[in-house]
Amino acid sequence: MRTQQLGVFIAGLNGAVASTLIAGVALIRRRLAEPLGLLSEAYVCSPRVARFGDLVFGGWDPLGETVLQAARRHAVIDGQRLAAVARVLAGLKPLPAARSQAAAVRDLERFRRRHRLERVVVLNLTPTAAHAASKLYAAAANRAGCGFVNFTPNQCNESRLTAIPYAGRDGKTGQTWFKSVLAPALQARGLRINGWYSTNLLGNEDGKIVGHPTTGKAKIRDKSKLLGEMLGYEPFHKVQINYYPPRGDNKESWDNIDFEGFLGLPMQIKVNQLYRDSVLAAPMCLDLVRFIDLAARRGETGAQAWLSYYFKSPYATRTHAADRQLGMLVDYLKTPPA
């Protein structure tokens, strides 16, 4: 066994986040890009997390495109950069979506044997509201002994994942991360938040799904509930997601915060944020894959609450303030394994 290598099997291999992640790793390996946005990079040596050269990718997707075709379609990374790693990306194609848990387990076992891997992590990047597929892949990961990361808002029957370490739910990439930083900071100053209005414009495939009034309910719920849990009271809180195709993967969000200061006098903060959605999400997924693998090697099982920093609706904790979540992460990484 080549125990230093780590398999990363992605449900949703042809999506924008997955193709950006894999292309990014290929570019970093060739020293054509820097590993920015990765908290895990500081822990490559101590504690030992998987290096970029250790990662082996595979996955499922019903579209059946090569990763190069998917990356070109999503257009997150410019063509010149993709050309430099085109051969690698063109050689990676997903397996068809698994129709049963048994079939998904067989896929994972074949992937492990083919690449002589001791360790595999399953990363769930299925579309929002793909609950059945998410549950299937989570169960297959549990049965195959693979760590599991749910970066989506989908339900995965996580209480049944008793044999493996897992983390989720719903990646906290931009606007909600900012909210988890700013709200505790205002509270720490003794200021009272009366209202917080958040709206989003997003034009990629995820935006089309989460901008729908039915399929986007889970995303709106996850973005909405953490404010009251952080503050200990419920201000007026409105969250909207709007599908706007011209934006593509370039997400724009607006926030208006009404709050009271000394003598109850009103004040406001207005914030306009322009993100590249997949550019924020991809390194977070890499961090999570590396950290879940670390937890697996330490013999951990169950929900990994110390990874709550990455999620809107984290498993096994109701701590949402970014500073407290980051403290949990750092404390775990500094603690020697038992």
Protein backbone atom coordinates (compact mmCIF):
# COMPACT_ATOMS: atom_id res chain seq x y z
CA MET A 1 0.00 0.00 0.00
CA ARG A 2 1.16 3.55 -0.77
CA THR A 3 -0.09 4.82 2.57
CA GLN A 4 1.06 8.40 1.94
CA GLN A 5 -1.57 8.87 -0.79
CA LEU A 6 -5.12 10.00 -0.07
CA GLY A 7 -8.06 9.26 -2.34
CA VAL A 8 -10.65 12.02 -2.76
CA PHE A 9 -13.87 10.68 -4.26
CA ILE A 10 -16.27 13.50 -5.15
CA ALA A 11 -20.02 13.20 -5.60
CA GLY A 12 -20.60 15.90 -8.22
CA LEU A 13 -17.27 15.73 -10.03
CA ASN A 14 -18.48 17.85 -12.95
CA GLY A 15 -19.66 20.72 -10.78
CA ALA A 16 -18.03 24.14 -10.57
CA VAL A 17 -16.50 23.60 -7.12
CA ALA A 18 -15.09 20.16 -7.91
CA SER A 19 -13.54 21.18 -11.24
CA THR A 20 -12.06 24.32 -9.66
CA LEU A 21 -10.66 22.28 -6.79
CA ILE A 22 -8.99 19.68 -9.02
CA ALA A 23 -7.66 22.24 -11.51
CA GLY A 24 -6.33 24.28 -8.60
CA VAL A 25 -4.44 21.33 -7.14
CA ALA A 26 -2.96 20.57 -10.57
CA LEU A 27 -1.78 24.18 -10.93
CA ILE A 28 -0.30 24.28 -7.43
CA ARG A 29 1.56 21.02 -8.02
CA ARG A 30 3.25 22.64 -11.01
CA ARG A 31 4.02 25.82 -9.04
CA LEU A 32 1.76 27.81 -11.34
CA ALA A 33 -0.41 29.04 -8.46
CA GLU A 34 -0.10 29.71 -4.74
CA PRO A 35 -2.07 27.75 -2.10
CA LEU A 36 -4.03 30.79 -0.91
CA GLY A 37 -7.19 30.38 1.16
CA LEU A 38 -6.03 27.11 2.77
CA LEU A 39 -5.86 26.96 6.56
CA SER A 40 -4.61 23.37 6.35
CA GLU A 41 -1.41 24.40 4.55
CA ALA A 42 0.08 25.55 7.85
CA TYR A 43 -0.28 22.01 9.21
CA VAL A 44 1.27 20.01 6.37
CA CYS A 45 4.22 19.05 8.58
CA SER A 46 2.81 19.16 12.10
CA PRO A 47 0.31 17.63 12.45
CA ARG A 48 0.86 15.80 9.19
CA VAL A 49 -1.87 16.49 6.65
CA ALA A 50 -1.90 15.23 3.08
CA ARG A 51 0.28 17.16 0.64
CA PHE A 52 -0.97 18.21 -2.78
CA GLY A 53 1.11 15.49 -4.40
CA ASP A 54 -0.60 12.90 -2.18
CA LEU A 55 -4.10 13.53 -3.53
CA VAL A 56 -5.74 11.16 -6.02
CA PHE A 57 -9.13 12.18 -7.42
CA GLY A 58 -12.17 10.29 -8.64
CA GLY A 59 -15.92 10.62 -8.36
CA TRP A 60 -19.46 10.29 -9.59
CA ASP A 61 -21.49 12.57 -11.84
CA PRO A 62 -24.42 11.95 -14.21
CA LEU A 63 -23.09 14.41 -16.81
CA GLY A 64 -20.06 12.27 -17.69
CA GLU A 65 -17.81 15.14 -18.80
CA THR A 66 -14.08 15.13 -18.29
CA VAL A 67 -12.95 17.54 -15.59
CA LEU A 68 -11.42 19.69 -18.35
CA GLN A 69 -14.77 19.95 -20.15
CA ALA A 70 -16.52 20.81 -16.89
CA ALA A 71 -13.93 23.45 -15.96
CA ARG A 72 -14.23 25.08 -19.38
CA ARG A 73 -18.03 25.09 -19.15
CA HIS A 74 -18.07 26.71 -15.71
CA ALA A 75 -15.36 29.23 -16.73
CA VAL A 76 -14.25 29.88 -13.16
CA ILE A 77 -10.57 29.52 -14.16
CA ASP A 78 -9.38 31.26 -17.32
CA GLY A 79 -8.49 29.27 -20.42
CA GLN A 80 -4.78 30.07 -20.30
CA ARG A 81 -4.42 28.54 -16.86
CA LEU A 82 -6.52 25.52 -17.80
CA ALA A 83 -4.34 24.95 -20.88
CA ALA A 84 -1.33 24.42 -18.61
CA VAL A 85 -3.02 21.45 -16.89
CA ALA A 86 -5.36 20.37 -19.70
CA ARG A 87 -3.81 16.93 -20.13
CA VAL A 88 -4.30 16.04 -16.46
CA LEU A 89 -7.88 17.30 -16.37
CA ALA A 90 -8.82 15.64 -19.65
CA GLY A 91 -7.72 12.30 -18.21
CA LEU A 92 -10.19 12.42 -15.32
CA LYS A 93 -13.79 11.45 -15.95
CA PRO A 94 -16.50 10.55 -13.42
CA LEU A 95 -18.27 7.27 -12.95
CA PRO A 96 -22.03 7.40 -13.61
CA ALA A 97 -24.19 8.30 -10.62
CA ALA A 98 -24.52 5.19 -8.46
CA ARG A 99 -27.97 3.63 -8.42
CA SER A 100 -27.59 1.82 -5.11
CA GLN A 101 -25.53 1.86 -1.96
CA ALA A 102 -23.94 -1.47 -2.92
CA ALA A 103 -22.89 -0.07 -6.31
CA ALA A 104 -21.40 3.03 -4.67
CA VAL A 105 -19.43 0.87 -2.24
CA ARG A 106 -18.08 -1.21 -5.14
CA ASP A 107 -16.98 2.00 -6.88
CA LEU A 108 -15.10 3.12 -3.79
CA GLU A 109 -13.43 -0.25 -3.32
CA ARG A 110 -12.34 -0.38 -6.97
CA PHE A 111 -10.96 3.14 -6.73
CA ARG A 112 -9.03 2.17 -3.62
CA ARG A 113 -7.58 -0.97 -5.23
CA ARG A 114 -6.77 0.68 -8.55
CA HIS A 115 -4.67 3.38 -6.92
CA ARG A 116 -3.40 1.21 -4.06
CA LEU A 117 -4.89 3.53 -1.48
CA GLU A 118 -5.24 2.89 2.22
CA ARG A 119 -7.30 6.04 2.84
CA VAL A 120 -10.23 7.60 0.97
CA VAL A 121 -12.46 10.57 1.81
CA VAL A 122 -15.86 11.06 0.14
CA LEU A 123 -16.70 14.71 -0.55
CA ASN A 124 -20.37 15.46 -1.19
CA LEU A 125 -20.83 18.27 -3.73
CA THR A 126 -24.15 17.10 -5.18
CA PRO A 127 -26.64 19.82 -6.17
CA THR A 128 -28.79 21.43 -3.50
CA ALA A 129 -31.92 19.33 -2.77
CA ALA A 130 -30.30 16.09 -4.03
CA HIS A 131 -31.17 14.44 -0.72
CA ALA A 132 -31.55 10.86 -1.97
CA ALA A 133 -28.15 10.84 -3.69
CA SER A 134 -26.49 12.49 -0.67
CA LYS A 135 -27.89 9.85 1.69
CA LEU A 136 -26.76 7.07 -0.64
CA TYR A 137 -23.19 8.35 -0.90
CA ALA A 138 -22.96 9.00 2.84
CA ALA A 139 -24.11 5.47 3.61
CA ALA A 140 -21.63 4.06 1.09
CA ALA A 141 -18.79 6.03 2.69
CA ASN A 142 -19.74 4.67 6.11
CA ARG A 143 -19.88 1.10 4.84
CA ALA A 144 -16.58 1.41 2.95
CA GLY A 145 -14.78 3.04 5.90
CA CYS A 146 -14.21 6.39 4.14
CA GLY A 147 -14.34 9.73 5.94
CA PHE A 148 -17.23 11.88 4.74
CA VAL A 149 -17.63 15.64 4.15
CA ASN A 150 -21.06 17.11 3.37
CA PHE A 151 -20.42 20.56 1.90
CA THR A 152 -24.05 20.84 0.75
CA PRO A 153 -27.27 21.72 2.62
CA ASN A 154 -28.59 18.24 1.79
CA GLN A 155 -29.76 15.69 4.34
CA CYS A 156 -27.39 12.70 4.62
CA ASN A 157 -28.86 10.62 7.50
CA GLU A 158 -25.74 11.67 9.36
CA SER A 159 -26.81 10.03 12.64
CA ARG A 160 -26.22 6.67 10.95
CA LEU A 161 -22.58 7.42 10.12
CA THR A 162 -21.24 5.66 13.20
CA ALA A 163 -18.12 4.02 11.75
CA ILE A 164 -16.34 7.05 10.28
CA PRO A 165 -15.48 10.69 11.02
CA TYR A 166 -17.71 13.13 9.18
CA ALA A 167 -18.30 16.86 8.94
CA GLY A 168 -20.95 19.18 7.51
CA ARG A 169 -23.43 20.80 6.71
CA ASP A 170 -23.60 23.55 4.05
CA GLY A 171 -20.29 25.28 3.39
CA LYS A 172 -19.98 28.79 4.90
CA THR A 173 -18.13 30.44 2.03
CA GLY A 174 -18.88 34.17 1.91
CA GLN A 175 -21.82 36.19 3.19
CA THR A 176 -22.68 33.90 6.09
CA TRP A 177 -19.01 33.66 7.10
CA PHE A 178 -18.86 37.46 7.16
CA LYS A 179 -22.02 37.51 9.29
CA SER A 180 -20.47 35.05 11.76
CA VAL A 181 -17.49 37.44 12.10
CA LEU A 182 -19.32 40.79 12.28
CA ALA A 183 -22.30 39.87 14.48
CA PRO A 184 -20.16 38.67 17.44
CA ALA A 185 -17.92 41.72 17.02
CA LEU A 186 -20.92 44.07 17.34
CA GLN A 187 -22.21 42.09 20.31
CA ALA A 188 -18.77 42.27 21.97
CA ARG A 189 -19.02 46.07 21.79
CA GLY A 190 -22.34 45.94 23.63
CA LEU A 191 -24.33 47.07 20.59
CA ARG A 192 -27.82 45.75 19.88
CA ILE A 193 -28.68 44.54 16.37
CA ASN A 194 -32.28 45.39 15.43
CA GLY A 195 -32.33 44.16 11.85
CA TRP A 196 -30.15 42.46 9.27
CA TYR A 197 -31.13 42.31 5.62
CA SER A 198 -29.09 40.06 3.29
CA THR A 199 -29.58 39.48 -0.42
CA ASN A 200 -27.51 37.59 -2.99
CA LEU A 201 -27.08 37.53 -6.76
CA LEU A 202 -25.67 34.29 -8.17
CA GLY A 203 -25.78 33.06 -11.75
CA ASN A 204 -24.15 29.60 -11.73
CA GLU A 205 -25.91 26.23 -11.56
CA ASP A 206 -26.09 26.39 -7.78
CA GLY A 207 -27.66 29.83 -8.01
CA LYS A 208 -30.38 28.47 -10.28
CA ILE A 209 -31.26 25.81 -7.74
CA VAL A 210 -31.00 27.81 -4.52
CA GLY A 211 -32.72 30.81 -6.09
CA HIS A 212 -35.83 28.66 -6.61
CA PRO A 213 -38.47 29.16 -3.87
CA THR A 214 -38.80 25.40 -3.30
CA THR A 215 -35.38 23.85 -3.83
CA GLY A 216 -33.65 26.78 -2.12
CA LYS A 217 -35.49 26.45 1.19
CA ALA A 218 -32.72 24.53 2.94
CA LYS A 219 -30.10 27.09 1.93
CA ILE A 220 -32.25 30.01 3.13
CA ARG A 221 -32.89 28.18 6.41
CA ASP A 222 -29.19 27.57 7.04
CA LYS A 223 -28.28 31.17 6.22
CA SER A 224 -31.06 32.54 8.43
CA LYS A 225 -31.00 30.61 11.68
CA LEU A 226 -27.46 31.25 12.94
CA LEU A 227 -27.88 34.97 13.74
CA GLY A 228 -30.32 34.47 16.61
CA GLU A 229 -28.27 31.55 17.94
CA MET A 230 -25.14 33.71 18.01
CA LEU A 231 -26.78 36.73 19.64
CA GLY A 232 -29.13 35.04 22.08
CA TYR A 233 -32.07 37.09 20.76
CA GLU A 234 -33.86 37.35 17.43
CA PRO A 235 -33.52 40.60 15.50
CA PHE A 236 -35.51 41.07 12.32
CA HIS A 237 -33.55 38.97 9.85
CA LYS A 238 -34.31 38.68 6.13
CA VAL A 239 -32.28 36.55 3.70
CA GLN A 240 -32.84 36.34 -0.06
CA ILE A 241 -31.07 34.48 -2.87
CA ASN A 242 -31.70 35.62 -6.43
CA TYR A 243 -30.71 33.73 -9.56
CA TYR A 244 -29.15 36.21 -11.99
CA PRO A 245 -27.45 34.43 -14.95
CA PRO A 246 -25.15 37.29 -16.08
CA ARG A 247 -23.21 36.96 -12.81
CA GLY A 248 -22.15 33.36 -13.44
CA ASP A 249 -19.91 32.14 -10.61
CA ASN A 250 -19.21 35.74 -9.53
CA LYS A 251 -21.53 36.14 -6.56
CA GLU A 252 -22.58 39.52 -5.24
CA SER A 253 -24.16 40.05 -1.82
CA TRP A 254 -25.54 43.09 -0.06
CA ASP A 255 -26.03 43.46 3.69
CA ASN A 256 -27.77 46.20 5.63
CA ILE A 257 -27.40 46.08 9.42
CA ASP A 258 -29.45 48.34 11.69
CA PHE A 259 -28.19 48.55 15.26
CA GLU A 260 -28.42 50.70 18.39
CA GLY A 261 -25.57 52.24 20.33
CA PHE A 262 -25.26 54.40 23.44
CA LEU A 263 -28.58 55.94 24.54
CA GLY A 264 -30.38 53.73 22.03
CA LEU A 265 -29.37 55.93 19.13
CA PRO A 266 -29.66 54.20 15.72
CA MET A 267 -26.76 53.46 13.37
CA GLN A 268 -26.25 51.40 10.21
CA ILE A 269 -23.64 49.36 8.41
CA LYS A 270 -23.95 48.65 4.68
CA VAL A 271 -21.71 46.11 3.00
CA ASN A 272 -21.37 45.13 -0.67
CA GLN A 273 -19.38 41.94 -1.21
CA LEU A 274 -18.27 40.54 -4.57
CA TYR A 275 -17.05 36.95 -4.43
CA ARG A 276 -15.99 34.18 -6.75
CA ASP A 277 -18.16 31.46 -5.25
CA SER A 278 -16.18 28.38 -6.32
CA VAL A 279 -12.84 30.11 -5.67
CA LEU A 280 -13.89 30.48 -2.03
CA ALA A 281 -15.41 27.01 -1.76
CA ALA A 282 -12.63 24.94 -3.39
CA PRO A 283 -9.88 25.58 -0.80
CA MET A 284 -12.39 25.04 2.01
CA CYS A 285 -13.17 21.61 0.57
CA LEU A 286 -9.45 20.84 0.37
CA ASP A 287 -9.04 21.83 4.02
CA LEU A 288 -11.94 19.61 5.02
CA VAL A 289 -10.67 16.61 3.08
CA ARG A 290 -7.24 16.95 4.69
CA PHE A 291 -8.66 17.45 8.19
CA ILE A 292 -11.18 14.60 8.00
CA ASP A 293 -8.36 12.33 6.85
CA LEU A 294 -6.34 13.48 9.86
CA ALA A 295 -9.29 12.67 12.15
CA ALA A 296 -9.60 9.21 10.57
CA ARG A 297 -5.91 8.52 11.18
CA ARG A 298 -6.39 9.57 14.81
CA GLY A 299 -9.17 6.99 15.14
CA GLU A 300 -12.02 9.49 15.41
CA THR A 301 -15.60 8.58 14.52
CA GLY A 302 -18.83 10.55 14.42
CA ALA A 303 -19.44 14.26 13.88
CA GLN A 304 -16.30 16.41 14.04
CA ALA A 305 -17.57 19.55 15.75
CA TRP A 306 -14.09 21.11 15.62
CA LEU A 307 -14.67 21.64 11.89
CA SER A 308 -17.75 23.82 12.47
CA TYR A 309 -15.82 26.89 11.21
CA TYR A 310 -16.51 25.72 7.66
CA PHE A 311 -20.30 25.31 7.88
CA LYS A 312 -23.55 27.26 8.14
CA SER A 313 -25.32 24.44 9.98
CA PRO A 314 -22.53 22.43 11.64
CA TYR A 315 -23.13 18.98 13.07
CA ALA A 316 -22.91 18.42 16.83
CA THR A 317 -22.59 22.08 17.88
CA ARG A 318 -24.65 25.26 17.98
CA THR A 319 -21.57 27.46 18.13
CA HIS A 320 -21.67 29.81 15.12
CA ALA A 321 -19.36 32.71 16.01
CA ALA A 322 -16.34 32.48 13.73
CA ASP A 323 -13.77 33.32 16.41
CA ARG A 324 -15.02 30.57 18.72
CA GLN A 325 -15.23 28.06 15.87
CA LEU A 326 -11.69 28.88 14.76
CA GLY A 327 -10.53 28.39 18.35
CA MET A 328 -12.04 24.88 18.35
CA LEU A 329 -10.20 24.09 15.11
CA VAL A 330 -6.83 25.34 16.33
CA ASP A 331 -7.19 23.62 19.71
CA TYR A 332 -7.85 20.27 18.03
CA LEU A 333 -4.88 20.62 15.71
CA LYS A 334 -2.56 21.62 18.57
CA THR A 335 -3.65 18.71 20.76
CA PRO A 336 -1.40 15.64 20.34
CA PRO A 337 -3.30 12.48 19.33
CA ALA A 338 -4.21 10.16 22.19
